[in-house]
């Protein structure tokens, strides 16, 4: 198909092309320049290296936004946090006024003095082992009387705890009475008879009473050696006991021990005499 254009038509088409080129330049050329300038701005920002930090931990300095690795708070630009870019010492901590207020930071004047610390320990109260009296049977026999009715009963030194009937003790008393008749002629035998009774826990007063009465005691009284509390009673009325059997335990509880369990970390804070 062959098309014929007149000279007038050619001029119109050429003018339209020129106008189109001009409009296209203004329409698309300006946007390209703006986009180019925008890329340059972003590049400058990236090359500027904005530092991101934490308001609570200014020693944290990151090259990109995120969360604080210590507390998890969102990082903020270092300029907004009021930090100094030159303060890069990891041992130096800088905080803004708002961060100090949030952390309730307080200051105090340092003074020389001795450190003081309250140490809380768990422990148990125990009897002083020096104030414990264990009473055992010095000779075999039968419990005829019992003056201690329960554990926890308070007794005084020299108070009767029980009375025991012992044939062996009666025989030893008769030997004493016989030796007393001849103590001037055979003082060694007399001293031996008294010593035997003292080994069985008879006091000098009880032995003198036997000599004075001139007859043996049928029942021997067991006396408390100290003042304190009955913490154990191992016999009952009518029981037969052998030499060495336990009878009573008396403890003076006016002074006791407290046994504490302390950790090794507490030992530097504990001294003799602490209260």
C-alpha atoms as a PDB file:
ATOM      1  CA  UNK A   1       0.000   0.000   0.000  1.00  0.00           C
ATOM      2  CA  UNK A   2       1.532   3.277  -0.985  1.00  0.00           C
ATOM      3  CA  UNK A   3       0.817   6.388   1.031  1.00  0.00           C
ATOM      4  CA  UNK A   4       1.292   9.864  -0.353  1.00  0.00           C
ATOM      5  CA  UNK A   5       1.996  12.765   2.049  1.00  0.00           C
ATOM      6  CA  UNK A   6       1.762  16.338   1.110  1.00  0.00           C
ATOM      7  CA  UNK A   7       4.344  18.860   2.193  1.00  0.00           C
ATOM      8  CA  UNK A   8       1.891  20.258   4.702  1.00  0.00           C
ATOM      9  CA  UNK A   9       1.356  16.840   6.291  1.00  0.00           C
ATOM     10  CA  UNK A  10       5.111  16.300   6.661  1.00  0.00           C
ATOM     11  CA  UNK A  11       5.533  19.592   8.503  1.00  0.00           C
ATOM     12  CA  UNK A  12       2.714  18.711  10.927  1.00  0.00           C
ATOM     13  CA  UNK A  13       4.206  15.285  11.713  1.00  0.00           C
ATOM     14  CA  UNK A  14       7.678  16.733  12.303  1.00  0.00           C
ATOM     15  CA  UNK A  15       6.294  19.372  14.650  1.00  0.00           C
ATOM     16  CA  UNK A  16       4.393  16.700  16.605  1.00  0.00           C
ATOM     17  CA  UNK A  17       7.557  14.651  17.054  1.00  0.00           C
ATOM     18  CA  UNK A  18       9.495  17.647  18.360  1.00  0.00           C
ATOM     19  CA  UNK A  19       6.735  18.547  20.805  1.00  0.00           C
ATOM     20  CA  UNK A  20       6.593  14.929  22.002  1.00  0.00           C
ATOM     21  CA  UNK A  21      10.316  14.826  22.634  1.00  0.00           C
ATOM     22  CA  UNK A  22      10.187  18.045  24.655  1.00  0.00           C
ATOM     23  CA  UNK A  23       7.253  16.837  26.772  1.00  0.00           C
ATOM     24  CA  UNK A  24       8.948  13.484  27.375  1.00  0.00           C
ATOM     25  CA  UNK A  25      12.122  15.144  28.572  1.00  0.00           C
ATOM     26  CA  UNK A  26      10.330  17.260  31.148  1.00  0.00           C
ATOM     27  CA  UNK A  27       8.041  14.424  32.210  1.00  0.00           C
ATOM     28  CA  UNK A  28      10.665  11.703  32.725  1.00  0.00           C
ATOM     29  CA  UNK A  29      13.992  13.525  32.935  1.00  0.00           C
ATOM     30  CA  UNK A  30      13.090  15.387  36.165  1.00  0.00           C
ATOM     31  CA  UNK A  31      12.063  12.169  37.981  1.00  0.00           C
ATOM     32  CA  UNK A  32      15.338  10.499  37.013  1.00  0.00           C
ATOM     33  CA  UNK A  33      17.265  13.395  38.510  1.00  0.00           C
ATOM     34  CA  UNK A  34      15.195  13.285  41.671  1.00  0.00           C
ATOM     35  CA  UNK A  35      15.732   9.550  41.994  1.00  0.00           C
ATOM     36  CA  UNK A  36      19.435   9.988  41.458  1.00  0.00           C
ATOM     37  CA  UNK A  37      19.604  12.630  44.136  1.00  0.00           C
ATOM     38  CA  UNK A  38      17.666  10.344  46.479  1.00  0.00           C
ATOM     39  CA  UNK A  39      20.202   7.547  45.970  1.00  0.00           C
ATOM     40  CA  UNK A  40      23.008   9.938  46.721  1.00  0.00           C
ATOM     41  CA  UNK A  41      21.282  10.951  50.017  1.00  0.00           C
ATOM     42  CA  UNK A  42      20.875   7.354  51.127  1.00  0.00           C
ATOM     43  CA  UNK A  43      24.457   6.599  50.238  1.00  0.00           C
ATOM     44  CA  UNK A  44      25.651   9.550  52.269  1.00  0.00           C
ATOM     45  CA  UNK A  45      23.604   8.350  55.226  1.00  0.00           C
ATOM     46  CA  UNK A  46      25.025   4.867  54.972  1.00  0.00           C
ATOM     47  CA  UNK A  47      28.564   6.142  54.567  1.00  0.00           C
ATOM     48  CA  UNK A  48      28.048   8.495  57.537  1.00  0.00           C
ATOM     49  CA  UNK A  49      27.958   5.420  59.844  1.00  0.00           C
ATOM     50  CA  UNK A  50      25.176   6.279  62.335  1.00  0.00           C
ATOM     51  CA  UNK A  51      25.973   4.697  65.683  1.00  0.00           C
ATOM     52  CA  UNK A  52      23.138   3.021  67.599  1.00  0.00           C
ATOM     53  CA  UNK A  53      23.293   2.665  71.381  1.00  0.00           C
ATOM     54  CA  UNK A  54      21.171   1.718  74.416  1.00  0.00           C
ATOM     55  CA  UNK A  55      19.860   4.359  76.780  1.00  0.00           C
ATOM     56  CA  UNK A  56      20.492   2.027  79.740  1.00  0.00           C
ATOM     57  CA  UNK A  57      23.820   0.632  78.556  1.00  0.00           C
ATOM     58  CA  UNK A  58      25.681   3.381  76.663  1.00  0.00           C
ATOM     59  CA  UNK A  59      28.705   1.115  76.262  1.00  0.00           C
ATOM     60  CA  UNK A  60      26.708  -0.778  73.626  1.00  0.00           C
ATOM     61  CA  UNK A  61      27.476   0.789  70.199  1.00  0.00           C
ATOM     62  CA  UNK A  62      26.160  -0.882  67.048  1.00  0.00           C
ATOM     63  CA  UNK A  63      26.394   0.016  63.342  1.00  0.00           C
ATOM     64  CA  UNK A  64      22.730  -0.795  62.721  1.00  0.00           C
ATOM     65  CA  UNK A  65      19.459  -0.552  64.675  1.00  0.00           C
ATOM     66  CA  UNK A  66      18.225  -3.457  66.768  1.00  0.00           C
ATOM     67  CA  UNK A  67      17.852  -4.495  70.426  1.00  0.00           C
ATOM     68  CA  UNK A  68      20.329  -4.162  73.277  1.00  0.00           C
ATOM     69  CA  UNK A  69      22.108  -7.495  73.861  1.00  0.00           C
ATOM     70  CA  UNK A  70      22.061  -6.857  77.634  1.00  0.00           C
ATOM     71  CA  UNK A  71      18.538  -5.689  78.467  1.00  0.00           C
ATOM     72  CA  UNK A  72      16.720  -6.151  75.159  1.00  0.00           C
ATOM     73  CA  UNK A  73      15.634  -2.496  74.855  1.00  0.00           C
ATOM     74  CA  UNK A  74      15.394  -0.950  71.400  1.00  0.00           C
ATOM     75  CA  UNK A  75      18.553   0.856  70.334  1.00  0.00           C
ATOM     76  CA  UNK A  76      18.467   4.588  69.595  1.00  0.00           C
ATOM     77  CA  UNK A  77      20.846   6.866  67.648  1.00  0.00           C
ATOM     78  CA  UNK A  78      23.880   7.762  69.702  1.00  0.00           C
ATOM     79  CA  UNK A  79      23.302  11.516  69.217  1.00  0.00           C
ATOM     80  CA  UNK A  80      19.817  11.193  70.695  1.00  0.00           C
ATOM     81  CA  UNK A  81      21.236   9.337  73.661  1.00  0.00           C
ATOM     82  CA  UNK A  82      23.551  12.263  74.338  1.00  0.00           C
ATOM     83  CA  UNK A  83      26.662  10.071  74.171  1.00  0.00           C
ATOM     84  CA  UNK A  84      30.038  11.306  73.043  1.00  0.00           C
ATOM     85  CA  UNK A  85      31.352   9.578  69.927  1.00  0.00           C
ATOM     86  CA  UNK A  86      34.879   9.899  71.265  1.00  0.00           C
ATOM     87  CA  UNK A  87      33.994   8.014  74.477  1.00  0.00           C
ATOM     88  CA  UNK A  88      34.805   4.534  73.268  1.00  0.00           C
ATOM     89  CA  UNK A  89      36.402   3.225  76.471  1.00  0.00           C
ATOM     90  CA  UNK A  90      34.617  -0.076  77.255  1.00  0.00           C
ATOM     91  CA  UNK A  91      35.236   0.454  80.988  1.00  0.00           C
ATOM     92  CA  UNK A  92      33.517   3.848  80.938  1.00  0.00           C
ATOM     93  CA  UNK A  93      29.756   4.050  81.320  1.00  0.00           C
ATOM     94  CA  UNK A  94      27.880   7.151  80.188  1.00  0.00           C
ATOM     95  CA  UNK A  95      24.202   7.705  80.831  1.00  0.00           C
ATOM     96  CA  UNK A  96      21.857  10.430  79.775  1.00  0.00           C
ATOM     97  CA  UNK A  97      19.831  12.355  82.318  1.00  0.00           C
ATOM     98  CA  UNK A  98      16.691  10.391  81.457  1.00  0.00           C
ATOM     99  CA  UNK A  99      18.547   7.091  81.735  1.00  0.00           C
ATOM    100  CA  UNK A 100      19.955   8.039  85.146  1.00  0.00           C
ATOM    101  CA  UNK A 101      16.493   8.960  86.363  1.00  0.00           C
ATOM    102  CA  UNK A 102      15.024   5.731  85.063  1.00  0.00           C
ATOM    103  CA  UNK A 103      17.781   3.663  86.693  1.00  0.00           C
ATOM    104  CA  UNK A 104      17.423   5.599  89.986  1.00  0.00           C
ATOM    105  CA  UNK A 105      21.170   6.260  90.120  1.00  0.00           C
ATOM    106  CA  UNK A 106      22.274   7.685  93.471  1.00  0.00           C
ATOM    107  CA  UNK A 107      25.645   8.887  94.683  1.00  0.00           C
ATOM    108  CA  UNK A 108      27.248   8.877  98.107  1.00  0.00           C
ATOM    109  CA  UNK A 109      30.511  10.215  99.489  1.00  0.00           C
ATOM    110  CA  UNK A 110      33.059   7.437  99.999  1.00  0.00           C
ATOM    111  CA  UNK A 111      34.384   7.247 103.566  1.00  0.00           C
ATOM    112  CA  UNK A 112      36.985   5.031 105.197  1.00  0.00           C
ATOM    113  CA  UNK A 113      35.525   2.514 107.637  1.00  0.00           C
ATOM    114  CA  UNK A 114      35.086  -1.123 108.586  1.00  0.00           C
ATOM    115  CA  UNK A 115      32.628  -3.141 106.456  1.00  0.00           C
ATOM    116  CA  UNK A 116      29.494  -4.349 108.212  1.00  0.00           C
ATOM    117  CA  UNK A 117      27.273  -7.215 107.122  1.00  0.00           C
ATOM    118  CA  UNK A 118      24.419  -9.162 108.684  1.00  0.00           C
ATOM    119  CA  UNK A 119      24.888 -12.899 108.173  1.00  0.00           C
ATOM    120  CA  UNK A 120      21.807 -15.097 108.612  1.00  0.00           C
ATOM    121  CA  UNK A 121      22.602 -18.712 109.524  1.00  0.00           C
ATOM    122  CA  UNK A 122      20.578 -21.800 110.360  1.00  0.00           C
ATOM    123  CA  UNK A 123      21.520 -23.771 113.458  1.00  0.00           C
ATOM    124  CA  UNK A 124      20.484 -26.124 116.235  1.00  0.00           C
ATOM    125  CA  UNK A 125      20.468 -25.611 119.997  1.00  0.00           C
ATOM    126  CA  UNK A 126      22.464 -28.297 121.799  1.00  0.00           C
ATOM    127  CA  UNK A 127      23.414 -28.912 125.402  1.00  0.00           C
ATOM    128  CA  UNK A 128      26.861 -27.939 126.623  1.00  0.00           C
ATOM    129  CA  UNK A 129      28.678 -31.273 126.772  1.00  0.00           C
ATOM    130  CA  UNK A 130      30.547 -30.088 129.867  1.00  0.00           C
ATOM    131  CA  UNK A 131      27.252 -29.868 131.789  1.00  0.00           C
ATOM    132  CA  UNK A 132      25.921 -33.374 131.103  1.00  0.00           C
ATOM    133  CA  UNK A 133      25.818 -35.991 133.891  1.00  0.00           C
ATOM    134  CA  UNK A 134      25.331 -39.665 132.958  1.00  0.00           C
ATOM    135  CA  UNK A 135      24.324 -41.827 135.925  1.00  0.00           C
ATOM    136  CA  UNK A 136      24.977 -45.577 135.712  1.00  0.00           C
ATOM    137  CA  UNK A 137      24.568 -48.392 138.215  1.00  0.00           C
ATOM    138  CA  UNK A 138      27.767 -48.874 140.231  1.00  0.00           C
ATOM    139  CA  UNK A 139      26.500 -52.212 141.557  1.00  0.00           C
ATOM    140  CA  UNK A 140      23.710 -54.653 140.808  1.00  0.00           C
ATOM    141  CA  UNK A 141      20.357 -54.428 142.582  1.00  0.00           C
ATOM    142  CA  UNK A 142      16.642 -53.637 142.400  1.00  0.00           C
ATOM    143  CA  UNK A 143      14.978 -50.190 142.128  1.00  0.00           C
ATOM    144  CA  UNK A 144      12.971 -49.922 145.346  1.00  0.00           C
ATOM    145  CA  UNK A 145      11.946 -46.256 145.108  1.00  0.00           C
ATOM    146  CA  UNK A 146      11.803 -43.831 142.188  1.00  0.00           C
ATOM    147  CA  UNK A 147      11.685 -40.082 142.806  1.00  0.00           C
ATOM    148  CA  UNK A 148      11.836 -39.000 139.163  1.00  0.00           C
ATOM    149  CA  UNK A 149       8.437 -39.277 137.484  1.00  0.00           C
ATOM    150  CA  UNK A 150       9.027 -37.810 134.014  1.00  0.00           C
ATOM    151  CA  UNK A 151      11.587 -36.402 131.613  1.00  0.00           C
ATOM    152  CA  UNK A 152      11.977 -32.654 131.949  1.00  0.00           C
ATOM    153  CA  UNK A 153      11.721 -32.724 135.734  1.00  0.00           C
ATOM    154  CA  UNK A 154      13.957 -30.181 137.445  1.00  0.00           C
ATOM    155  CA  UNK A 155      16.342 -31.488 140.118  1.00  0.00           C
ATOM    156  CA  UNK A 156      18.932 -29.936 142.385  1.00  0.00           C
ATOM    157  CA  UNK A 157      22.435 -31.132 143.151  1.00  0.00           C
ATOM    158  CA  UNK A 158      22.277 -33.817 145.855  1.00  0.00           C
ATOM    159  CA  UNK A 159      18.545 -34.484 145.335  1.00  0.00           C
ATOM    160  CA  UNK A 160      17.348 -38.107 145.483  1.00  0.00           C
ATOM    161  CA  UNK A 161      16.596 -39.700 142.112  1.00  0.00           C
ATOM    162  CA  UNK A 162      16.013 -43.320 143.161  1.00  0.00           C
ATOM    163  CA  UNK A 163      16.734 -45.883 145.887  1.00  0.00           C
ATOM    164  CA  UNK A 164      18.263 -49.260 145.111  1.00  0.00           C
ATOM    165  CA  UNK A 165      18.452 -52.455 147.147  1.00  0.00           C
ATOM    166  CA  UNK A 166      21.744 -54.296 146.630  1.00  0.00           C
ATOM    167  CA  UNK A 167      22.945 -57.391 148.508  1.00  0.00           C
ATOM    168  CA  UNK A 168      26.515 -56.637 147.383  1.00  0.00           C
ATOM    169  CA  UNK A 169      26.303 -53.180 148.917  1.00  0.00           C
ATOM    170  CA  UNK A 170      24.981 -54.585 152.192  1.00  0.00           C
ATOM    171  CA  UNK A 171      27.943 -56.988 152.338  1.00  0.00           C
ATOM    172  CA  UNK A 172      30.405 -54.136 151.714  1.00  0.00           C
ATOM    173  CA  UNK A 173      28.836 -52.082 154.509  1.00  0.00           C
ATOM    174  CA  UNK A 174      29.183 -54.957 156.948  1.00  0.00           C
ATOM    175  CA  UNK A 175      32.856 -55.212 156.029  1.00  0.00           C
ATOM    176  CA  UNK A 176      33.216 -51.517 156.848  1.00  0.00           C
ATOM    177  CA  UNK A 177      31.541 -51.926 160.239  1.00  0.00           C
ATOM    178  CA  UNK A 178      33.814 -54.864 161.033  1.00  0.00           C
ATOM    179  CA  UNK A 179      36.936 -52.945 159.921  1.00  0.00           C
ATOM    180  CA  UNK A 180      35.891 -49.932 161.986  1.00  0.00           C
ATOM    181  CA  UNK A 181      36.107 -52.047 165.143  1.00  0.00           C
ATOM    182  CA  UNK A 182      39.792 -52.716 164.482  1.00  0.00           C
ATOM    183  CA  UNK A 183      40.811 -49.543 162.671  1.00  0.00           C
ATOM    184  CA  UNK A 184      43.418 -48.730 165.313  1.00  0.00           C
ATOM    185  CA  UNK A 185      45.000 -52.167 164.995  1.00  0.00           C
ATOM    186  CA  UNK A 186      44.557 -52.524 161.220  1.00  0.00           C
ATOM    187  CA  UNK A 187      44.103 -49.062 159.677  1.00  0.00           C
ATOM    188  CA  UNK A 188      44.917 -50.325 156.151  1.00  0.00           C
ATOM    189  CA  UNK A 189      41.956 -52.712 156.192  1.00  0.00           C
ATOM    190  CA  UNK A 190      39.705 -49.888 157.425  1.00  0.00           C
ATOM    191  CA  UNK A 191      40.867 -47.533 154.677  1.00  0.00           C
ATOM    192  CA  UNK A 192      40.351 -50.260 152.079  1.00  0.00           C
ATOM    193  CA  UNK A 193      36.751 -50.826 153.243  1.00  0.00           C
ATOM    194  CA  UNK A 194      35.948 -47.130 152.980  1.00  0.00           C
ATOM    195  CA  UNK A 195      37.609 -46.834 149.551  1.00  0.00           C
ATOM    196  CA  UNK A 196      35.485 -49.715 148.235  1.00  0.00           C
ATOM    197  CA  UNK A 197      32.287 -47.881 149.167  1.00  0.00           C
ATOM    198  CA  UNK A 198      33.560 -44.634 147.670  1.00  0.00           C
ATOM    199  CA  UNK A 199      34.179 -46.443 144.387  1.00  0.00           C
ATOM    200  CA  UNK A 200      30.462 -47.238 144.439  1.00  0.00           C
ATOM    201  CA  UNK A 201      29.695 -43.506 144.671  1.00  0.00           C
ATOM    202  CA  UNK A 202      28.948 -43.371 148.370  1.00  0.00           C
ATOM    203  CA  UNK A 203      29.885 -39.999 149.814  1.00  0.00           C
ATOM    204  CA  UNK A 204      31.990 -39.502 152.931  1.00  0.00           C
ATOM    205  CA  UNK A 205      28.849 -38.351 154.712  1.00  0.00           C
ATOM    206  CA  UNK A 206      26.985 -41.549 153.839  1.00  0.00           C
ATOM    207  CA  UNK A 207      29.927 -43.707 154.960  1.00  0.00           C
ATOM    208  CA  UNK A 208      30.221 -41.780 158.251  1.00  0.00           C
ATOM    209  CA  UNK A 209      26.491 -42.275 158.805  1.00  0.00           C
ATOM    210  CA  UNK A 210      26.864 -46.046 158.365  1.00  0.00           C
ATOM    211  CA  UNK A 211      29.628 -46.096 160.984  1.00  0.00           C
ATOM    212  CA  UNK A 212      27.630 -43.903 163.340  1.00  0.00           C
ATOM    213  CA  UNK A 213      24.446 -45.987 163.059  1.00  0.00           C
ATOM    214  CA  UNK A 214      26.408 -49.213 163.412  1.00  0.00           C
ATOM    215  CA  UNK A 215      24.250 -51.020 160.858  1.00  0.00           C
ATOM    216  CA  UNK A 216      24.174 -51.121 157.038  1.00  0.00           C
ATOM    217  CA  UNK A 217      21.724 -49.173 154.923  1.00  0.00           C
ATOM    218  CA  UNK A 218      19.194 -51.489 153.279  1.00  0.00           C
ATOM    219  CA  UNK A 219      18.361 -49.117 150.409  1.00  0.00           C
ATOM    220  CA  UNK A 220      21.005 -46.918 148.854  1.00  0.00           C
ATOM    221  CA  UNK A 221      19.948 -43.484 147.555  1.00  0.00           C
ATOM    222  CA  UNK A 222      21.114 -42.391 144.101  1.00  0.00           C
ATOM    223  CA  UNK A 223      21.745 -38.628 144.171  1.00  0.00           C
ATOM    224  CA  UNK A 224      21.952 -36.112 141.347  1.00  0.00           C
ATOM    225  CA  UNK A 225      25.546 -34.891 140.897  1.00  0.00           C
ATOM    226  CA  UNK A 226      24.458 -31.555 139.367  1.00  0.00           C
ATOM    227  CA  UNK A 227      21.467 -29.227 139.226  1.00  0.00           C
ATOM    228  CA  UNK A 228      19.590 -29.463 135.963  1.00  0.00           C
ATOM    229  CA  UNK A 229      16.866 -31.180 133.960  1.00  0.00           C
ATOM    230  CA  UNK A 230      16.148 -34.903 133.677  1.00  0.00           C
ATOM    231  CA  UNK A 231      16.511 -35.585 129.959  1.00  0.00           C
ATOM    232  CA  UNK A 232      16.520 -39.392 130.139  1.00  0.00           C
ATOM    233  CA  UNK A 233      15.152 -41.985 132.552  1.00  0.00           C
ATOM    234  CA  UNK A 234      16.138 -45.562 131.759  1.00  0.00           C
ATOM    235  CA  UNK A 235      14.651 -47.397 134.756  1.00  0.00           C
ATOM    236  CA  UNK A 236      11.248 -47.957 136.297  1.00  0.00           C
ATOM    237  CA  UNK A 237      10.130 -48.949 139.770  1.00  0.00           C
ATOM    238  CA  UNK A 238      10.995 -52.595 140.484  1.00  0.00           C
ATOM    239  CA  UNK A 239      13.563 -52.957 137.685  1.00  0.00           C
ATOM    240  CA  UNK A 240      16.648 -55.075 138.285  1.00  0.00           C
ATOM    241  CA  UNK A 241      19.867 -53.449 137.153  1.00  0.00           C
ATOM    242  CA  UNK A 242      23.390 -54.692 136.666  1.00  0.00           C
ATOM    243  CA  UNK A 243      26.626 -52.857 137.210  1.00  0.00           C
ATOM    244  CA  UNK A 244      27.097 -50.391 134.342  1.00  0.00           C
ATOM    245  CA  UNK A 245      23.420 -50.154 133.316  1.00  0.00           C
ATOM    246  CA  UNK A 246      22.314 -46.560 132.484  1.00  0.00           C
ATOM    247  CA  UNK A 247      19.922 -44.986 134.989  1.00  0.00           C
ATOM    248  CA  UNK A 248      19.470 -41.249 134.354  1.00  0.00           C
ATOM    249  CA  UNK A 249      20.806 -38.331 132.353  1.00  0.00           C
ATOM    250  CA  UNK A 250      20.844 -34.857 133.906  1.00  0.00           C
ATOM    251  CA  UNK A 251      21.736 -31.739 131.878  1.00  0.00           C
ATOM    252  CA  UNK A 252      22.259 -28.199 133.087  1.00  0.00           C
ATOM    253  CA  UNK A 253      20.464 -26.090 130.447  1.00  0.00           C
ATOM    254  CA  UNK A 254      21.328 -22.682 131.879  1.00  0.00           C
ATOM    255  CA  UNK A 255      24.076 -22.455 129.258  1.00  0.00           C
ATOM    256  CA  UNK A 256      23.675 -24.137 125.881  1.00  0.00           C
ATOM    257  CA  UNK A 257      25.485 -24.287 122.551  1.00  0.00           C
ATOM    258  CA  UNK A 258      24.071 -23.170 119.209  1.00  0.00           C
ATOM    259  CA  UNK A 259      25.604 -25.086 116.306  1.00  0.00           C
ATOM    260  CA  UNK A 260      25.401 -22.998 113.111  1.00  0.00           C
ATOM    261  CA  UNK A 261      25.928 -24.142 109.527  1.00  0.00           C
ATOM    262  CA  UNK A 262      27.951 -21.501 107.667  1.00  0.00           C
ATOM    263  CA  UNK A 263      28.871 -21.411 103.994  1.00  0.00           C
ATOM    264  CA  UNK A 264      32.478 -20.848 102.995  1.00  0.00           C
ATOM    265  CA  UNK A 265      31.520 -17.457 101.544  1.00  0.00           C
ATOM    266  CA  UNK A 266      30.243 -16.363 104.998  1.00  0.00           C
ATOM    267  CA  UNK A 267      33.450 -17.220 106.869  1.00  0.00           C
ATOM    268  CA  UNK A 268      35.258 -13.884 106.190  1.00  0.00           C
ATOM    269  CA  UNK A 269      32.383 -12.083 107.953  1.00  0.00           C
ATOM    270  CA  UNK A 270      32.396 -14.265 111.088  1.00  0.00           C
ATOM    271  CA  UNK A 271      34.674 -13.545 114.027  1.00  0.00           C
ATOM    272  CA  UNK A 272      34.977 -14.894 117.549  1.00  0.00           C
ATOM    273  CA  UNK A 273      32.761 -12.884 119.889  1.00  0.00           C
ATOM    274  CA  UNK A 274      30.239 -11.811 117.215  1.00  0.00           C
ATOM    275  CA  UNK A 275      26.647 -11.434 118.365  1.00  0.00           C
END
